[in-house]
Protein backbone atom coordinates (compact mmCIF):
# COMPACT_ATOMS: atom_id res chain seq x y z
CA UNK A 1 0.00 0.00 0.00
CA UNK A 2 1.15 3.56 -0.69
CA UNK A 3 0.82 6.46 1.73
CA UNK A 4 -1.07 9.51 0.48
CA UNK A 5 -1.61 12.86 2.15
CA UNK A 6 -5.17 14.17 2.12
CA UNK A 7 -6.54 17.43 3.49
CA UNK A 8 -10.18 17.13 4.52
CA UNK A 9 -12.62 19.87 5.33
CA UNK A 10 -13.28 19.95 9.07
CA UNK A 11 -16.85 18.63 8.73
CA UNK A 12 -15.70 15.56 6.76
CA UNK A 13 -12.88 14.93 9.23
CA UNK A 14 -15.36 15.03 12.11
CA UNK A 15 -17.76 12.67 10.35
CA UNK A 16 -14.92 10.28 9.56
CA UNK A 17 -13.67 10.41 13.15
CA UNK A 18 -17.17 9.73 14.49
CA UNK A 19 -17.79 6.82 12.11
CA UNK A 20 -14.43 5.30 12.89
CA UNK A 21 -15.08 5.47 16.65
CA UNK A 22 -18.62 4.08 16.32
CA UNK A 23 -17.59 1.09 14.24
CA UNK A 24 -14.10 0.37 15.49
CA UNK A 25 -12.75 0.50 11.94
CA UNK A 26 -9.86 2.71 10.95
CA UNK A 27 -10.27 6.02 9.18
CA UNK A 28 -7.99 4.62 6.48
CA UNK A 29 -10.44 1.78 5.90
CA UNK A 30 -13.27 4.22 5.23
CA UNK A 31 -11.16 6.51 3.06
CA UNK A 32 -10.03 3.60 0.90
CA UNK A 33 -13.61 2.31 0.63
CA UNK A 34 -14.97 5.73 -0.31
CA UNK A 35 -12.28 6.38 -2.91
CA UNK A 36 -12.68 2.91 -4.40
CA UNK A 37 -16.47 3.24 -4.73
CA UNK A 38 -16.24 6.72 -6.22
CA UNK A 39 -13.58 5.64 -8.72
CA UNK A 40 -15.79 2.76 -9.86
CA UNK A 41 -18.65 5.21 -10.39
CA UNK A 42 -16.42 7.61 -12.33
CA UNK A 43 -15.00 4.79 -14.46
CA UNK A 44 -18.53 3.60 -15.28
CA UNK A 45 -19.55 7.14 -16.17
CA UNK A 46 -16.53 7.55 -18.44
CA UNK A 47 -17.31 4.27 -20.25
CA UNK A 48 -20.95 5.29 -20.68
CA UNK A 49 -19.91 8.66 -22.10
CA UNK A 50 -17.48 7.00 -24.52
CA UNK A 51 -20.16 4.51 -25.59
CA UNK A 52 -22.63 7.36 -26.20
CA UNK A 53 -20.08 9.26 -28.28
CA UNK A 54 -19.32 6.13 -30.33
CA UNK A 55 -23.03 5.53 -30.94
CA UNK A 56 -23.57 9.13 -32.05
CA UNK A 57 -20.57 8.95 -34.36
CA UNK A 58 -21.77 5.70 -35.91
CA UNK A 59 -18.78 3.69 -34.62
CA UNK A 60 -21.00 1.45 -32.51
CA UNK A 61 -24.54 0.15 -32.46
CA UNK A 62 -27.13 -1.21 -30.07
CA UNK A 63 -28.82 -4.59 -30.11
CA UNK A 64 -32.31 -5.55 -29.03
CA UNK A 65 -32.93 -8.45 -26.68
CA UNK A 66 -34.45 -10.30 -29.64
CA UNK A 67 -31.25 -9.78 -31.67
CA UNK A 68 -29.10 -11.14 -28.84
CA UNK A 69 -31.37 -14.13 -28.22
CA UNK A 70 -31.33 -15.05 -31.92
CA UNK A 71 -27.57 -14.68 -32.18
CA UNK A 72 -27.05 -16.87 -29.10
CA UNK A 73 -29.63 -19.43 -30.21
CA UNK A 74 -31.89 -18.76 -27.25
CA UNK A 75 -35.09 -18.34 -29.24
CA UNK A 76 -37.77 -20.89 -28.34
């Protein structure tokens, strides 16, 4: 693991302190969890934006459920 310095606004620091004391988990645990979850959200957003741009530019297309079922041989 790598050490990182982070300056938090006082209200966030207080909330983090309180949560850490209530749960017995470290502040580092919650900071890593929060950053990880937010990064996943931002990565998903970036991929969605790229997909939208590709669709608009004609470099990609969408498929209906029927199309996918037929292609996979799932049609009854």
